[in-house]
Every structure is written in C-alpha cells, then in structure tokens.
Amino acid sequence: MPQARLAKHATCNTGFEVDLLCVALDAKAIPYLVRGMNRGMDGAGYQGVIPGGIDVLVPEDALEAARSVLASHLEPG
C-alpha cells in the first residue's frame, strides 16, 4: 500500500491548541499526524507556549479541506 505524502497544515503553540485542531479534523474525518517535542498529557505543552511549536500534518490531498476546517474555527462568532 503506498504511503500518503504529508504536508504541514499548522504549527500550534500549545498542546491545547493542538487538541482543538485535532478534534476539528476528526469531526471531518481528515487524518493527521502530530509532531513535536514535549507533546503529551503531562508534557510542557499544557504549561504554556512550547518553543518551536507542535506541527500538525495532513495528507497532501486533504490539505485544502484541512485549511477550510482551520479557517472556520478562526472566524469570529
């Protein structure tokens, strides 16, 4: 089975931001991979900003759909 090529969808500053984004991607059945240091329930990501951030990657063919999900969650109201 060929592997999907991944593209960076977003870089989040905290573990909380990552979780919010991943829940939104899950709701639209968009697969993702989270990559970064200090990621985890007890990691530094829940204590404030993580230097370098945490990347959320999605398959290249789902990038536009993932961007729509992110944009809809950034709109006020």
N, C-alpha and C. Protein backbone atom coordinates (compact mmCIF):
# COMPACT_ATOMS: atom_id res chain seq x y z
N MET A 1 0.85 -1.17 0.00
CA MET A 1 0.00 0.00 0.00
C MET A 1 0.89 1.24 0.00
N PRO A 2 0.69 2.16 -0.94
CA PRO A 2 1.53 3.37 -0.96
C PRO A 2 1.18 4.28 0.21
N GLN A 3 2.20 4.95 0.72
CA GLN A 3 2.00 5.87 1.83
C GLN A 3 1.66 7.25 1.28
N ALA A 4 0.77 7.93 1.99
CA ALA A 4 0.39 9.28 1.59
C ALA A 4 1.52 10.25 1.93
N ARG A 5 1.73 11.22 1.06
CA ARG A 5 2.70 12.28 1.36
C ARG A 5 2.03 13.26 2.30
N LEU A 6 2.76 13.67 3.33
CA LEU A 6 2.21 14.59 4.33
C LEU A 6 2.66 16.02 4.07
N ALA A 7 1.81 16.94 4.42
CA ALA A 7 2.11 18.37 4.31
C ALA A 7 1.79 19.03 5.65
N LYS A 8 2.59 20.05 6.00
CA LYS A 8 2.33 20.76 7.25
C LYS A 8 1.07 21.60 7.11
N HIS A 9 0.13 21.34 7.98
CA HIS A 9 -1.14 22.07 7.97
C HIS A 9 -1.07 23.27 8.90
N ALA A 10 -0.47 23.09 10.07
CA ALA A 10 -0.41 24.18 11.04
C ALA A 10 0.70 23.90 12.05
N THR A 11 1.19 24.97 12.66
CA THR A 11 2.08 24.86 13.81
C THR A 11 1.37 25.53 14.97
N CYS A 12 1.14 24.76 16.02
CA CYS A 12 0.43 25.26 17.19
C CYS A 12 1.42 25.58 18.29
N ASN A 13 1.05 26.51 19.14
CA ASN A 13 1.95 26.96 20.21
C ASN A 13 1.78 26.20 21.52
N THR A 14 0.63 25.56 21.71
CA THR A 14 0.38 24.82 22.95
C THR A 14 -0.30 23.49 22.64
N GLY A 15 -0.22 22.59 23.60
CA GLY A 15 -0.89 21.31 23.45
C GLY A 15 -2.40 21.48 23.36
N PHE A 16 -2.94 22.46 24.04
CA PHE A 16 -4.38 22.72 24.00
C PHE A 16 -4.81 23.09 22.58
N GLU A 17 -4.05 23.96 21.91
CA GLU A 17 -4.37 24.34 20.53
C GLU A 17 -4.34 23.12 19.62
N VAL A 18 -3.36 22.25 19.82
CA VAL A 18 -3.26 21.02 19.01
C VAL A 18 -4.52 20.17 19.21
N ASP A 19 -4.91 19.99 20.45
CA ASP A 19 -6.09 19.17 20.72
C ASP A 19 -7.34 19.74 20.07
N LEU A 20 -7.52 21.05 20.12
CA LEU A 20 -8.69 21.68 19.50
C LEU A 20 -8.70 21.44 17.98
N LEU A 21 -7.54 21.61 17.37
CA LEU A 21 -7.43 21.42 15.93
C LEU A 21 -7.68 19.96 15.56
N CYS A 22 -7.13 19.04 16.32
CA CYS A 22 -7.28 17.62 16.02
C CYS A 22 -8.72 17.15 16.17
N VAL A 23 -9.43 17.68 17.15
CA VAL A 23 -10.86 17.35 17.31
C VAL A 23 -11.63 17.82 16.08
N ALA A 24 -11.32 19.01 15.60
CA ALA A 24 -11.99 19.54 14.41
C ALA A 24 -11.68 18.70 13.17
N LEU A 25 -10.43 18.27 13.03
CA LEU A 25 -10.06 17.41 11.90
C LEU A 25 -10.75 16.06 12.01
N ASP A 26 -10.80 15.50 13.22
CA ASP A 26 -11.51 14.23 13.43
C ASP A 26 -12.96 14.33 13.01
N ALA A 27 -13.59 15.45 13.34
CA ALA A 27 -15.01 15.64 13.03
C ALA A 27 -15.27 15.60 11.53
N LYS A 28 -14.27 15.97 10.73
CA LYS A 28 -14.40 15.96 9.27
C LYS A 28 -13.72 14.73 8.65
N ALA A 29 -13.30 13.78 9.50
CA ALA A 29 -12.64 12.54 9.06
C ALA A 29 -11.38 12.81 8.25
N ILE A 30 -10.64 13.85 8.64
CA ILE A 30 -9.37 14.17 8.00
C ILE A 30 -8.25 13.57 8.85
N PRO A 31 -7.46 12.65 8.30
CA PRO A 31 -6.37 12.06 9.09
C PRO A 31 -5.27 13.08 9.32
N TYR A 32 -4.53 12.91 10.41
CA TYR A 32 -3.46 13.84 10.74
C TYR A 32 -2.37 13.13 11.52
N LEU A 33 -1.23 13.78 11.59
CA LEU A 33 -0.09 13.32 12.39
C LEU A 33 0.40 14.52 13.17
N VAL A 34 0.61 14.34 14.47
CA VAL A 34 1.11 15.41 15.33
C VAL A 34 2.59 15.15 15.56
N ARG A 35 3.41 16.19 15.36
CA ARG A 35 4.86 16.04 15.51
C ARG A 35 5.42 17.22 16.29
N GLY A 36 6.15 16.92 17.35
CA GLY A 36 6.79 17.98 18.11
C GLY A 36 7.31 17.49 19.44
N MET A 37 8.17 18.27 20.02
CA MET A 37 8.73 17.95 21.32
C MET A 37 7.73 18.31 22.42
N ASN A 38 7.85 17.65 23.55
CA ASN A 38 7.04 17.96 24.72
C ASN A 38 5.55 17.79 24.47
N ARG A 39 5.20 16.86 23.62
CA ARG A 39 3.79 16.59 23.33
C ARG A 39 3.34 15.46 24.25
N GLY A 40 2.24 15.65 24.90
CA GLY A 40 1.70 14.61 25.75
C GLY A 40 0.90 15.21 26.88
N MET A 41 0.13 14.39 27.53
CA MET A 41 -0.77 14.87 28.56
C MET A 41 -0.02 15.54 29.71
N ASP A 42 1.14 15.07 30.04
CA ASP A 42 1.89 15.64 31.15
C ASP A 42 3.06 16.50 30.68
N GLY A 43 3.14 16.75 29.38
CA GLY A 43 4.27 17.50 28.85
C GLY A 43 4.15 19.00 29.06
N ALA A 44 5.18 19.69 28.65
CA ALA A 44 5.24 21.14 28.82
C ALA A 44 4.18 21.87 28.00
N GLY A 45 3.61 21.21 27.01
CA GLY A 45 2.60 21.84 26.16
C GLY A 45 1.35 22.27 26.90
N TYR A 46 1.12 21.72 28.07
CA TYR A 46 -0.05 22.11 28.85
C TYR A 46 0.31 23.10 29.93
N GLN A 47 1.56 23.56 29.93
CA GLN A 47 2.00 24.51 30.93
C GLN A 47 2.31 25.86 30.31
N GLY A 48 2.10 26.01 29.02
CA GLY A 48 2.36 27.27 28.35
C GLY A 48 2.85 27.05 26.93
N VAL A 49 3.43 28.07 26.38
CA VAL A 49 3.91 28.04 24.99
C VAL A 49 5.11 27.12 24.86
N ILE A 50 5.13 26.34 23.79
CA ILE A 50 6.23 25.42 23.51
C ILE A 50 7.15 26.06 22.49
N PRO A 51 8.41 26.28 22.84
CA PRO A 51 9.35 26.83 21.85
C PRO A 51 9.43 25.91 20.63
N GLY A 52 9.27 26.48 19.46
CA GLY A 52 9.31 25.69 18.23
C GLY A 52 7.96 25.16 17.82
N GLY A 53 7.01 25.12 18.74
CA GLY A 53 5.65 24.70 18.43
C GLY A 53 5.51 23.21 18.18
N ILE A 54 4.29 22.83 17.84
CA ILE A 54 3.93 21.45 17.52
C ILE A 54 3.28 21.48 16.14
N ASP A 55 3.79 20.68 15.23
CA ASP A 55 3.26 20.65 13.86
C ASP A 55 2.13 19.64 13.75
N VAL A 56 1.11 20.01 12.99
CA VAL A 56 0.03 19.10 12.64
C VAL A 56 0.12 18.90 11.12
N LEU A 57 0.34 17.65 10.72
CA LEU A 57 0.48 17.32 9.31
C LEU A 57 -0.74 16.54 8.84
N VAL A 58 -1.09 16.73 7.58
CA VAL A 58 -2.21 16.02 6.97
C VAL A 58 -1.74 15.50 5.61
N PRO A 59 -2.43 14.50 5.04
CA PRO A 59 -2.08 14.08 3.69
C PRO A 59 -2.22 15.25 2.72
N GLU A 60 -1.31 15.29 1.73
CA GLU A 60 -1.33 16.39 0.77
C GLU A 60 -2.70 16.56 0.11
N ASP A 61 -3.36 15.44 -0.19
CA ASP A 61 -4.65 15.54 -0.89
C ASP A 61 -5.78 16.00 0.02
N ALA A 62 -5.53 16.14 1.32
CA ALA A 62 -6.53 16.64 2.27
C ALA A 62 -6.19 18.04 2.79
N LEU A 63 -5.14 18.63 2.26
CA LEU A 63 -4.66 19.91 2.77
C LEU A 63 -5.69 21.03 2.63
N GLU A 64 -6.33 21.14 1.49
CA GLU A 64 -7.33 22.20 1.30
C GLU A 64 -8.51 22.02 2.24
N ALA A 65 -8.96 20.80 2.42
CA ALA A 65 -10.08 20.54 3.35
C ALA A 65 -9.67 20.89 4.77
N ALA A 66 -8.43 20.56 5.14
CA ALA A 66 -7.94 20.87 6.48
C ALA A 66 -7.84 22.38 6.68
N ARG A 67 -7.41 23.10 5.66
CA ARG A 67 -7.35 24.56 5.76
C ARG A 67 -8.74 25.16 5.95
N SER A 68 -9.73 24.59 5.30
CA SER A 68 -11.11 25.06 5.48
C SER A 68 -11.58 24.85 6.92
N VAL A 69 -11.21 23.71 7.49
CA VAL A 69 -11.58 23.43 8.88
C VAL A 69 -10.94 24.46 9.80
N LEU A 70 -9.66 24.74 9.59
CA LEU A 70 -8.96 25.71 10.42
C LEU A 70 -9.56 27.09 10.26
N ALA A 71 -9.84 27.49 9.03
CA ALA A 71 -10.40 28.83 8.78
C ALA A 71 -11.77 28.97 9.43
N SER A 72 -12.57 27.92 9.41
CA SER A 72 -13.90 28.02 10.01
C SER A 72 -13.82 28.16 11.53
N HIS A 73 -12.77 27.67 12.14
CA HIS A 73 -12.62 27.79 13.59
C HIS A 73 -11.95 29.10 14.00
N LEU A 74 -11.38 29.80 13.04
CA LEU A 74 -10.75 31.09 13.34
C LEU A 74 -11.70 32.26 13.13
N GLU A 75 -12.82 32.00 12.46
CA GLU A 75 -13.78 33.08 12.21
C GLU A 75 -14.43 33.51 13.53
N PRO A 76 -14.57 34.81 13.75
CA PRO A 76 -15.22 35.27 14.98
C PRO A 76 -16.70 34.91 14.98
N GLY A 77 -17.20 34.69 16.20
CA GLY A 77 -18.62 34.45 16.38
C GLY A 77 -19.00 33.08 16.07
